Amino acid sequence: MPRSSRPLALLAALVLLPGLAACSTTVAMEPAKLANDPACASVIAKLPKSISGQQRRWTDAQATGAWGDPASILMTCGLEPPAPSTLPCRTFDGVDWLVDESQAADNRYTLTTFGRTPALQVYLDFDVASSGDVAQALGPLIRDYLQPTGSACTALSDATATPAPSPTP
């Protein structure tokens, strides 16, 4: 580009930027440690346009998704698979979810896949979005792209007690 036309191009770009910024609906998020896993890329490429009546929004971090304005559903793929937990574990449509209800007083739940690698986590405002809708919308993607680890939800009553050591004579 000739030197004399550079200021015009810069001026045109500066005039357009405020208009583009006003249309931005990008949600700021942090990527998970394993966000570059190809399985997460497959999930992200197929995310639904809406969940629980909330429209999808763009995010600024790899392997993340958001729905609603303000964002009421935040999803992150690429977490380390969780270890066995005392959190309630619910199975929905072939996917096990650990349910963290520690912020239920503020109408917030955190759902984390259990027995899948990499793990996927969803933070939702249950005044706006249903955990059942989230599980139904994301379940097929999780089943198709996030590999089972062999771990599964079990009830406490299904756990076998560790045998007590026998006294030695």
N, C-alpha and C. Protein backbone atom coordinates (compact mmCIF):
# COMPACT_ATOMS: atom_id res chain seq x y z
N MET A 1 0.85 -1.16 0.00
CA MET A 1 0.00 0.00 0.00
C MET A 1 0.90 1.23 0.00
N PRO A 2 0.63 2.22 -0.88
CA PRO A 2 1.44 3.43 -0.90
C PRO A 2 1.33 4.14 0.44
N ARG A 3 2.43 4.83 0.79
CA ARG A 3 2.51 5.52 2.07
C ARG A 3 1.37 6.53 2.23
N SER A 4 0.94 7.22 1.18
CA SER A 4 -0.09 8.25 1.29
C SER A 4 -1.46 7.66 1.60
N SER A 5 -1.72 6.40 1.27
CA SER A 5 -3.04 5.83 1.53
C SER A 5 -3.11 5.12 2.89
N ARG A 6 -1.98 4.96 3.58
CA ARG A 6 -1.99 4.30 4.90
C ARG A 6 -2.83 5.07 5.91
N PRO A 7 -2.71 6.41 6.00
CA PRO A 7 -3.54 7.12 6.99
C PRO A 7 -5.03 6.93 6.72
N LEU A 8 -5.44 6.85 5.43
CA LEU A 8 -6.85 6.65 5.12
C LEU A 8 -7.31 5.27 5.57
N ALA A 9 -6.50 4.25 5.35
CA ALA A 9 -6.86 2.89 5.78
C ALA A 9 -6.95 2.83 7.30
N LEU A 10 -6.00 3.47 7.99
CA LEU A 10 -6.01 3.49 9.45
C LEU A 10 -7.25 4.23 9.96
N LEU A 11 -7.58 5.35 9.33
CA LEU A 11 -8.76 6.12 9.71
C LEU A 11 -10.02 5.29 9.50
N ALA A 12 -10.12 4.59 8.38
CA ALA A 12 -11.28 3.75 8.11
C ALA A 12 -11.40 2.64 9.16
N ALA A 13 -10.28 2.04 9.54
CA ALA A 13 -10.29 0.99 10.55
C ALA A 13 -10.73 1.55 11.90
N LEU A 14 -10.26 2.72 12.26
CA LEU A 14 -10.63 3.33 13.53
C LEU A 14 -12.11 3.70 13.57
N VAL A 15 -12.66 4.10 12.44
CA VAL A 15 -14.08 4.45 12.37
C VAL A 15 -14.93 3.18 12.55
N LEU A 16 -14.49 2.05 12.00
CA LEU A 16 -15.25 0.81 12.09
C LEU A 16 -15.16 0.15 13.47
N LEU A 17 -14.05 0.31 14.17
CA LEU A 17 -13.85 -0.39 15.43
C LEU A 17 -14.93 -0.13 16.48
N PRO A 18 -15.33 1.13 16.72
CA PRO A 18 -16.37 1.32 17.74
C PRO A 18 -17.67 0.59 17.39
N GLY A 19 -18.05 0.56 16.15
CA GLY A 19 -19.26 -0.14 15.74
C GLY A 19 -19.15 -1.63 15.96
N LEU A 20 -17.97 -2.19 15.68
CA LEU A 20 -17.77 -3.61 15.89
C LEU A 20 -17.75 -3.94 17.37
N ALA A 21 -17.14 -3.09 18.16
CA ALA A 21 -17.06 -3.34 19.60
C ALA A 21 -18.46 -3.30 20.22
N ALA A 22 -19.33 -2.44 19.73
CA ALA A 22 -20.67 -2.32 20.28
C ALA A 22 -21.48 -3.59 20.03
N CYS A 23 -21.15 -4.34 18.98
CA CYS A 23 -21.87 -5.56 18.65
C CYS A 23 -21.29 -6.78 19.35
N SER A 24 -20.18 -6.63 20.01
CA SER A 24 -19.49 -7.76 20.61
C SER A 24 -20.31 -8.36 21.74
N THR A 25 -20.43 -9.68 21.71
CA THR A 25 -21.11 -10.40 22.78
C THR A 25 -20.18 -11.49 23.32
N THR A 26 -18.90 -11.25 23.25
CA THR A 26 -17.93 -12.23 23.67
C THR A 26 -17.90 -12.33 25.20
N VAL A 27 -17.90 -13.57 25.70
CA VAL A 27 -17.85 -13.83 27.13
C VAL A 27 -16.40 -14.17 27.50
N ALA A 28 -15.86 -13.48 28.48
CA ALA A 28 -14.49 -13.72 28.93
C ALA A 28 -14.45 -14.97 29.80
N MET A 29 -13.59 -15.91 29.43
CA MET A 29 -13.45 -17.17 30.17
C MET A 29 -11.98 -17.57 30.19
N GLU A 30 -11.66 -18.57 31.00
CA GLU A 30 -10.31 -19.12 31.08
C GLU A 30 -10.33 -20.53 30.50
N PRO A 31 -9.34 -20.89 29.69
CA PRO A 31 -9.30 -22.26 29.18
C PRO A 31 -8.83 -23.22 30.27
N ALA A 32 -9.25 -24.46 30.17
CA ALA A 32 -8.80 -25.50 31.09
C ALA A 32 -7.41 -25.98 30.68
N LYS A 33 -6.77 -26.70 31.58
CA LYS A 33 -5.41 -27.18 31.35
C LYS A 33 -5.28 -28.02 30.08
N LEU A 34 -6.29 -28.84 29.78
CA LEU A 34 -6.24 -29.73 28.62
C LEU A 34 -7.13 -29.23 27.47
N ALA A 35 -7.32 -27.92 27.39
CA ALA A 35 -8.21 -27.33 26.39
C ALA A 35 -7.80 -27.66 24.95
N ASN A 36 -6.53 -27.97 24.74
CA ASN A 36 -6.07 -28.25 23.37
C ASN A 36 -6.29 -29.72 22.97
N ASP A 37 -6.96 -30.51 23.80
CA ASP A 37 -7.27 -31.89 23.46
C ASP A 37 -8.18 -31.91 22.23
N PRO A 38 -7.86 -32.72 21.22
CA PRO A 38 -8.70 -32.78 20.01
C PRO A 38 -10.16 -33.14 20.30
N ALA A 39 -10.41 -33.91 21.35
CA ALA A 39 -11.79 -34.26 21.70
C ALA A 39 -12.59 -33.01 22.05
N CYS A 40 -11.95 -32.06 22.72
CA CYS A 40 -12.63 -30.80 23.06
C CYS A 40 -12.95 -30.01 21.79
N ALA A 41 -12.04 -30.01 20.85
CA ALA A 41 -12.29 -29.31 19.58
C ALA A 41 -13.51 -29.90 18.89
N SER A 42 -13.65 -31.23 18.95
CA SER A 42 -14.82 -31.88 18.33
C SER A 42 -16.10 -31.47 19.04
N VAL A 43 -16.08 -31.41 20.36
CA VAL A 43 -17.26 -30.99 21.12
C VAL A 43 -17.61 -29.54 20.77
N ILE A 44 -16.63 -28.66 20.80
CA ILE A 44 -16.88 -27.23 20.55
C ILE A 44 -17.44 -27.01 19.16
N ALA A 45 -16.97 -27.75 18.20
CA ALA A 45 -17.44 -27.59 16.81
C ALA A 45 -18.92 -27.94 16.65
N LYS A 46 -19.46 -28.70 17.58
CA LYS A 46 -20.85 -29.17 17.46
C LYS A 46 -21.78 -28.60 18.53
N LEU A 47 -21.34 -27.61 19.29
CA LEU A 47 -22.18 -27.07 20.37
C LEU A 47 -23.52 -26.56 19.83
N PRO A 48 -24.60 -26.77 20.60
CA PRO A 48 -25.92 -26.31 20.15
C PRO A 48 -26.03 -24.79 20.16
N LYS A 49 -26.90 -24.29 19.30
CA LYS A 49 -27.12 -22.84 19.21
C LYS A 49 -27.87 -22.31 20.42
N SER A 50 -28.63 -23.17 21.07
CA SER A 50 -29.34 -22.74 22.28
C SER A 50 -29.47 -23.91 23.24
N ILE A 51 -29.53 -23.59 24.52
CA ILE A 51 -29.80 -24.55 25.59
C ILE A 51 -30.76 -23.88 26.55
N SER A 52 -31.82 -24.57 26.88
CA SER A 52 -32.80 -24.05 27.86
C SER A 52 -33.32 -22.66 27.45
N GLY A 53 -33.46 -22.45 26.13
CA GLY A 53 -33.94 -21.18 25.63
C GLY A 53 -32.91 -20.07 25.62
N GLN A 54 -31.69 -20.37 26.00
CA GLN A 54 -30.61 -19.38 26.03
C GLN A 54 -29.76 -19.52 24.77
N GLN A 55 -29.51 -18.41 24.07
CA GLN A 55 -28.75 -18.43 22.83
C GLN A 55 -27.25 -18.48 23.09
N ARG A 56 -26.55 -19.20 22.21
CA ARG A 56 -25.11 -19.32 22.34
C ARG A 56 -24.43 -17.98 22.09
N ARG A 57 -23.35 -17.75 22.84
CA ARG A 57 -22.53 -16.56 22.67
C ARG A 57 -21.09 -16.99 22.44
N TRP A 58 -20.31 -16.10 21.87
CA TRP A 58 -18.90 -16.38 21.64
C TRP A 58 -18.13 -16.21 22.94
N THR A 59 -17.06 -16.97 23.08
CA THR A 59 -16.17 -16.85 24.23
C THR A 59 -14.77 -16.51 23.73
N ASP A 60 -13.92 -16.09 24.64
CA ASP A 60 -12.56 -15.70 24.24
C ASP A 60 -11.51 -16.72 24.67
N ALA A 61 -11.93 -17.92 25.03
CA ALA A 61 -10.97 -18.94 25.47
C ALA A 61 -11.22 -20.25 24.72
N GLN A 62 -10.15 -20.96 24.47
CA GLN A 62 -10.22 -22.22 23.76
C GLN A 62 -11.05 -23.24 24.55
N ALA A 63 -11.86 -24.02 23.84
CA ALA A 63 -12.65 -25.13 24.40
C ALA A 63 -13.65 -24.68 25.46
N THR A 64 -14.30 -23.54 25.21
CA THR A 64 -15.32 -23.04 26.12
C THR A 64 -16.58 -22.70 25.34
N GLY A 65 -17.69 -22.60 26.05
CA GLY A 65 -18.95 -22.21 25.44
C GLY A 65 -19.77 -21.44 26.46
N ALA A 66 -20.67 -20.59 25.99
CA ALA A 66 -21.54 -19.82 26.87
C ALA A 66 -22.89 -19.61 26.20
N TRP A 67 -23.93 -19.56 27.01
CA TRP A 67 -25.28 -19.33 26.52
C TRP A 67 -25.97 -18.36 27.46
N GLY A 68 -26.81 -17.48 26.87
CA GLY A 68 -27.60 -16.52 27.64
C GLY A 68 -26.97 -15.15 27.68
N ASP A 69 -27.81 -14.13 27.92
CA ASP A 69 -27.34 -12.76 28.00
C ASP A 69 -28.09 -12.05 29.14
N PRO A 70 -27.48 -11.96 30.31
CA PRO A 70 -26.11 -12.33 30.65
C PRO A 70 -25.94 -13.85 30.63
N ALA A 71 -24.71 -14.28 30.52
CA ALA A 71 -24.41 -15.71 30.40
C ALA A 71 -24.91 -16.46 31.63
N SER A 72 -25.79 -17.42 31.41
CA SER A 72 -26.34 -18.22 32.50
C SER A 72 -25.83 -19.65 32.46
N ILE A 73 -25.17 -20.03 31.36
CA ILE A 73 -24.56 -21.35 31.21
C ILE A 73 -23.15 -21.13 30.69
N LEU A 74 -22.17 -21.61 31.45
CA LEU A 74 -20.76 -21.52 31.04
C LEU A 74 -20.20 -22.93 30.99
N MET A 75 -19.55 -23.30 29.90
CA MET A 75 -19.02 -24.63 29.72
C MET A 75 -17.53 -24.59 29.41
N THR A 76 -16.77 -25.48 30.04
CA THR A 76 -15.34 -25.58 29.79
C THR A 76 -15.00 -27.04 29.56
N CYS A 77 -14.30 -27.32 28.49
CA CYS A 77 -13.83 -28.67 28.20
C CYS A 77 -12.31 -28.69 28.39
N GLY A 78 -11.80 -29.82 28.85
CA GLY A 78 -10.35 -29.96 28.98
C GLY A 78 -9.86 -30.03 30.41
N LEU A 79 -10.72 -30.41 31.32
CA LEU A 79 -10.30 -30.58 32.70
C LEU A 79 -9.74 -31.98 32.91
N GLU A 80 -8.90 -32.12 33.92
CA GLU A 80 -8.45 -33.45 34.33
C GLU A 80 -9.68 -34.21 34.81
N PRO A 81 -9.80 -35.50 34.49
CA PRO A 81 -10.95 -36.26 35.01
C PRO A 81 -10.94 -36.25 36.54
N PRO A 82 -12.09 -35.99 37.16
CA PRO A 82 -12.12 -35.94 38.61
C PRO A 82 -11.95 -37.32 39.24
N ALA A 83 -11.39 -37.32 40.41
CA ALA A 83 -11.23 -38.55 41.20
C ALA A 83 -12.59 -38.89 41.82
N PRO A 84 -12.73 -40.08 42.37
CA PRO A 84 -13.97 -40.38 43.09
C PRO A 84 -14.25 -39.29 44.12
N SER A 85 -15.52 -39.01 44.30
CA SER A 85 -15.92 -37.84 45.08
C SER A 85 -17.11 -38.18 45.97
N THR A 86 -17.30 -37.37 46.99
CA THR A 86 -18.49 -37.49 47.83
C THR A 86 -19.63 -36.63 47.30
N LEU A 87 -19.38 -35.88 46.22
CA LEU A 87 -20.46 -35.09 45.61
C LEU A 87 -21.50 -36.04 45.04
N PRO A 88 -22.76 -35.60 44.99
CA PRO A 88 -23.77 -36.44 44.35
C PRO A 88 -23.36 -36.69 42.89
N CYS A 89 -23.58 -37.90 42.43
CA CYS A 89 -23.27 -38.26 41.05
C CYS A 89 -24.56 -38.73 40.40
N ARG A 90 -24.93 -38.10 39.30
CA ARG A 90 -26.18 -38.41 38.61
C ARG A 90 -25.86 -38.88 37.19
N THR A 91 -26.57 -39.89 36.76
CA THR A 91 -26.43 -40.38 35.40
C THR A 91 -27.61 -39.88 34.60
N PHE A 92 -27.31 -39.26 33.46
CA PHE A 92 -28.37 -38.77 32.58
C PHE A 92 -28.00 -39.15 31.16
N ASP A 93 -28.84 -39.95 30.55
CA ASP A 93 -28.68 -40.31 29.14
C ASP A 93 -27.27 -40.84 28.83
N GLY A 94 -26.78 -41.71 29.72
CA GLY A 94 -25.49 -42.34 29.47
C GLY A 94 -24.27 -41.55 29.87
N VAL A 95 -24.45 -40.40 30.51
CA VAL A 95 -23.32 -39.59 30.96
C VAL A 95 -23.45 -39.39 32.46
N ASP A 96 -22.36 -39.64 33.19
CA ASP A 96 -22.33 -39.42 34.63
C ASP A 96 -21.86 -38.00 34.92
N TRP A 97 -22.54 -37.34 35.85
CA TRP A 97 -22.24 -35.96 36.22
C TRP A 97 -22.07 -35.84 37.73
N LEU A 98 -20.98 -35.24 38.18
CA LEU A 98 -20.85 -34.85 39.58
C LEU A 98 -21.58 -33.52 39.72
N VAL A 99 -22.41 -33.39 40.74
CA VAL A 99 -23.24 -32.20 40.92
C VAL A 99 -22.78 -31.48 42.19
N ASP A 100 -22.19 -30.29 42.01
CA ASP A 100 -21.76 -29.47 43.13
C ASP A 100 -22.86 -28.46 43.41
N GLU A 101 -23.52 -28.64 44.55
CA GLU A 101 -24.63 -27.77 44.94
C GLU A 101 -24.21 -26.76 46.01
N SER A 102 -22.90 -26.54 46.17
CA SER A 102 -22.42 -25.66 47.24
C SER A 102 -22.86 -24.21 47.07
N GLN A 103 -23.27 -23.81 45.87
CA GLN A 103 -23.74 -22.44 45.64
C GLN A 103 -25.24 -22.41 45.33
N ALA A 104 -25.95 -23.45 45.76
CA ALA A 104 -27.39 -23.55 45.48
C ALA A 104 -28.17 -22.38 46.07
N ALA A 105 -27.72 -21.83 47.18
CA ALA A 105 -28.41 -20.67 47.78
C ALA A 105 -28.40 -19.47 46.83
N ASP A 106 -27.41 -19.43 45.93
CA ASP A 106 -27.33 -18.36 44.93
C ASP A 106 -27.85 -18.83 43.57
N ASN A 107 -28.58 -19.95 43.55
CA ASN A 107 -29.16 -20.51 42.32
C ASN A 107 -28.11 -20.95 41.31
N ARG A 108 -26.99 -21.47 41.80
CA ARG A 108 -25.92 -21.89 40.89
C ARG A 108 -25.51 -23.33 41.19
N TYR A 109 -25.32 -24.09 40.13
CA TYR A 109 -24.81 -25.46 40.21
C TYR A 109 -23.58 -25.55 39.32
N THR A 110 -22.68 -26.46 39.69
CA THR A 110 -21.57 -26.82 38.82
C THR A 110 -21.70 -28.31 38.54
N LEU A 111 -21.73 -28.66 37.27
CA LEU A 111 -21.83 -30.05 36.83
C LEU A 111 -20.51 -30.42 36.16
N THR A 112 -19.93 -31.55 36.54
CA THR A 112 -18.67 -32.00 35.96
C THR A 112 -18.83 -33.44 35.51
N THR A 113 -18.44 -33.72 34.28
CA THR A 113 -18.54 -35.10 33.81
C THR A 113 -17.65 -35.98 34.67
N PHE A 114 -18.12 -37.18 34.92
CA PHE A 114 -17.36 -38.15 35.69
C PHE A 114 -17.16 -39.39 34.81
N GLY A 115 -15.93 -39.88 34.79
CA GLY A 115 -15.66 -41.07 34.00
C GLY A 115 -15.44 -40.78 32.52
N ARG A 116 -15.06 -39.54 32.19
CA ARG A 116 -14.77 -39.14 30.80
C ARG A 116 -13.44 -38.41 30.76
N THR A 117 -12.72 -38.57 29.67
CA THR A 117 -11.47 -37.84 29.51
C THR A 117 -11.41 -37.20 28.13
N PRO A 118 -11.06 -35.91 28.07
CA PRO A 118 -10.95 -35.00 29.21
C PRO A 118 -12.33 -34.75 29.81
N ALA A 119 -12.34 -34.17 30.99
CA ALA A 119 -13.61 -33.86 31.64
C ALA A 119 -14.15 -32.53 31.11
N LEU A 120 -15.45 -32.38 31.25
CA LEU A 120 -16.15 -31.17 30.81
C LEU A 120 -16.92 -30.66 32.02
N GLN A 121 -16.93 -29.34 32.23
CA GLN A 121 -17.62 -28.75 33.37
C GLN A 121 -18.58 -27.68 32.90
N VAL A 122 -19.75 -27.64 33.54
CA VAL A 122 -20.77 -26.65 33.22
C VAL A 122 -21.17 -25.95 34.51
N TYR A 123 -21.18 -24.64 34.46
CA TYR A 123 -21.63 -23.79 35.56
C TYR A 123 -22.93 -23.18 35.09
N LEU A 124 -24.01 -23.34 35.88
CA LEU A 124 -25.28 -22.80 35.40
C LEU A 124 -26.07 -22.12 36.49
N ASP A 125 -26.84 -21.15 36.05
CA ASP A 125 -27.79 -20.43 36.90
C ASP A 125 -29.11 -21.16 36.73
N PHE A 126 -29.54 -21.93 37.77
CA PHE A 126 -30.72 -22.76 37.58
C PHE A 126 -32.03 -21.98 37.70
N ASP A 127 -31.97 -20.67 37.93
CA ASP A 127 -33.16 -19.83 37.79
C ASP A 127 -33.49 -19.62 36.32
N VAL A 128 -32.46 -19.75 35.47
CA VAL A 128 -32.61 -19.47 34.04
C VAL A 128 -32.51 -20.75 33.21
N ALA A 129 -31.66 -21.67 33.61
CA ALA A 129 -31.39 -22.87 32.81
C ALA A 129 -31.56 -24.13 33.65
N SER A 130 -32.03 -25.16 33.01
CA SER A 130 -32.26 -26.43 33.68
C SER A 130 -31.06 -27.36 33.50
N SER A 131 -30.65 -28.03 34.57
CA SER A 131 -29.55 -28.99 34.46
C SER A 131 -29.94 -30.14 33.53
N GLY A 132 -31.20 -30.49 33.51
CA GLY A 132 -31.67 -31.53 32.59
C GLY A 132 -31.52 -31.12 31.14
N ASP A 133 -31.84 -29.84 30.85
CA ASP A 133 -31.66 -29.33 29.47
C ASP A 133 -30.19 -29.34 29.07
N VAL A 134 -29.33 -28.95 30.02
CA VAL A 134 -27.89 -28.92 29.75
C VAL A 134 -27.40 -30.34 29.46
N ALA A 135 -27.77 -31.28 30.33
CA ALA A 135 -27.33 -32.66 30.15
C ALA A 135 -27.86 -33.26 28.84
N GLN A 136 -29.09 -32.94 28.50
CA GLN A 136 -29.67 -33.45 27.25
C GLN A 136 -28.98 -32.84 26.03
N ALA A 137 -28.66 -31.56 26.08
CA ALA A 137 -28.04 -30.89 24.93
C ALA A 137 -26.59 -31.33 24.73
N LEU A 138 -25.86 -31.52 25.83
CA LEU A 138 -24.44 -31.85 25.72
C LEU A 138 -24.15 -33.34 25.76
N GLY A 139 -25.08 -34.14 26.26
CA GLY A 139 -24.87 -35.58 26.40
C GLY A 139 -24.40 -36.28 25.14
N PRO A 140 -25.07 -36.08 24.00
CA PRO A 140 -24.62 -36.76 22.78
C PRO A 140 -23.18 -36.40 22.38
N LEU A 141 -22.80 -35.15 22.58
CA LEU A 141 -21.43 -34.73 22.25
C LEU A 141 -20.43 -35.39 23.19
N ILE A 142 -20.78 -35.45 24.46
CA ILE A 142 -19.90 -36.07 25.45
C ILE A 142 -19.74 -37.55 25.14
N ARG A 143 -20.85 -38.23 24.88
CA ARG A 143 -20.78 -39.67 24.56
C ARG A 143 -19.97 -39.91 23.29
N ASP A 144 -20.12 -39.05 22.29
CA ASP A 144 -19.44 -39.25 21.01
C ASP A 144 -17.96 -38.91 21.03
N TYR A 145 -17.54 -37.92 21.83
CA TYR A 145 -16.18 -37.41 21.70
C TYR A 145 -15.29 -37.54 22.95
N LEU A 146 -15.86 -37.60 24.14
CA LEU A 146 -15.04 -37.70 25.35
C LEU A 146 -14.99 -39.17 25.78
N GLN A 147 -13.82 -39.73 25.75
CA GLN A 147 -13.64 -41.16 25.98
C GLN A 147 -13.95 -41.57 27.42
N PRO A 148 -14.63 -42.72 27.59
CA PRO A 148 -14.87 -43.24 28.94
C PRO A 148 -13.56 -43.67 29.59
N THR A 149 -13.46 -43.43 30.89
CA THR A 149 -12.25 -43.84 31.62
C THR A 149 -12.44 -45.18 32.32
N GLY A 150 -13.68 -45.65 32.40
CA GLY A 150 -13.98 -46.87 33.14
C GLY A 150 -14.59 -46.58 34.49
N SER A 151 -14.50 -45.33 34.97
CA SER A 151 -15.13 -44.94 36.24
C SER A 151 -16.60 -44.64 35.97
N ALA A 152 -17.44 -44.94 36.95
CA ALA A 152 -18.87 -44.69 36.81
C ALA A 152 -19.46 -44.32 38.15
N CYS A 153 -20.60 -43.65 38.12
CA CYS A 153 -21.31 -43.30 39.35
C CYS A 153 -21.69 -44.59 40.07
N THR A 154 -21.55 -44.57 41.37
CA THR A 154 -22.04 -45.67 42.20
C THR A 154 -22.67 -45.07 43.45
N ALA A 155 -23.57 -45.81 44.03
CA ALA A 155 -24.17 -45.38 45.29
C ALA A 155 -23.24 -45.78 46.42
N LEU A 156 -23.29 -45.05 47.50
CA LEU A 156 -22.46 -45.36 48.65
C LEU A 156 -22.71 -46.80 49.10
N SER A 157 -23.95 -47.25 48.97
CA SER A 157 -24.29 -48.61 49.39
C SER A 157 -23.64 -49.66 48.48
N ASP A 158 -23.21 -49.26 47.26
CA ASP A 158 -22.55 -50.19 46.35
C ASP A 158 -21.07 -50.34 46.65
N ALA A 159 -20.52 -49.42 47.44
CA ALA A 159 -19.09 -49.45 47.72
C ALA A 159 -18.77 -50.61 48.66
N THR A 160 -17.66 -51.25 48.43
CA THR A 160 -17.25 -52.33 49.31
C THR A 160 -16.29 -51.76 50.34
N ALA A 161 -16.50 -52.17 51.56
CA ALA A 161 -15.64 -51.68 52.64
C ALA A 161 -14.25 -52.28 52.50
N THR A 162 -13.28 -51.52 52.89
CA THR A 162 -11.92 -52.02 52.90
C THR A 162 -11.79 -53.01 54.05
N PRO A 163 -11.33 -54.22 53.76
CA PRO A 163 -11.25 -55.20 54.84
C PRO A 163 -10.27 -54.74 55.91
N ALA A 164 -10.63 -55.03 57.13
CA ALA A 164 -9.75 -54.69 58.24
C ALA A 164 -8.59 -55.68 58.24
N PRO A 165 -7.40 -55.21 58.54
CA PRO A 165 -6.27 -56.14 58.55
C PRO A 165 -6.44 -57.17 59.66
N SER A 166 -6.01 -58.38 59.38
CA SER A 166 -6.07 -59.45 60.38
C SER A 166 -4.90 -59.28 61.34
N PRO A 167 -5.18 -59.50 62.61
CA PRO A 167 -4.06 -59.42 63.55
C PRO A 167 -3.06 -60.54 63.26
N THR A 168 -1.82 -60.24 63.36
CA THR A 168 -0.80 -61.25 63.13
C THR A 168 -0.49 -61.96 64.45
N PRO A 169 -0.30 -63.28 64.38
CA PRO A 169 -0.05 -64.00 65.62
C PRO A 169 1.30 -63.74 66.19
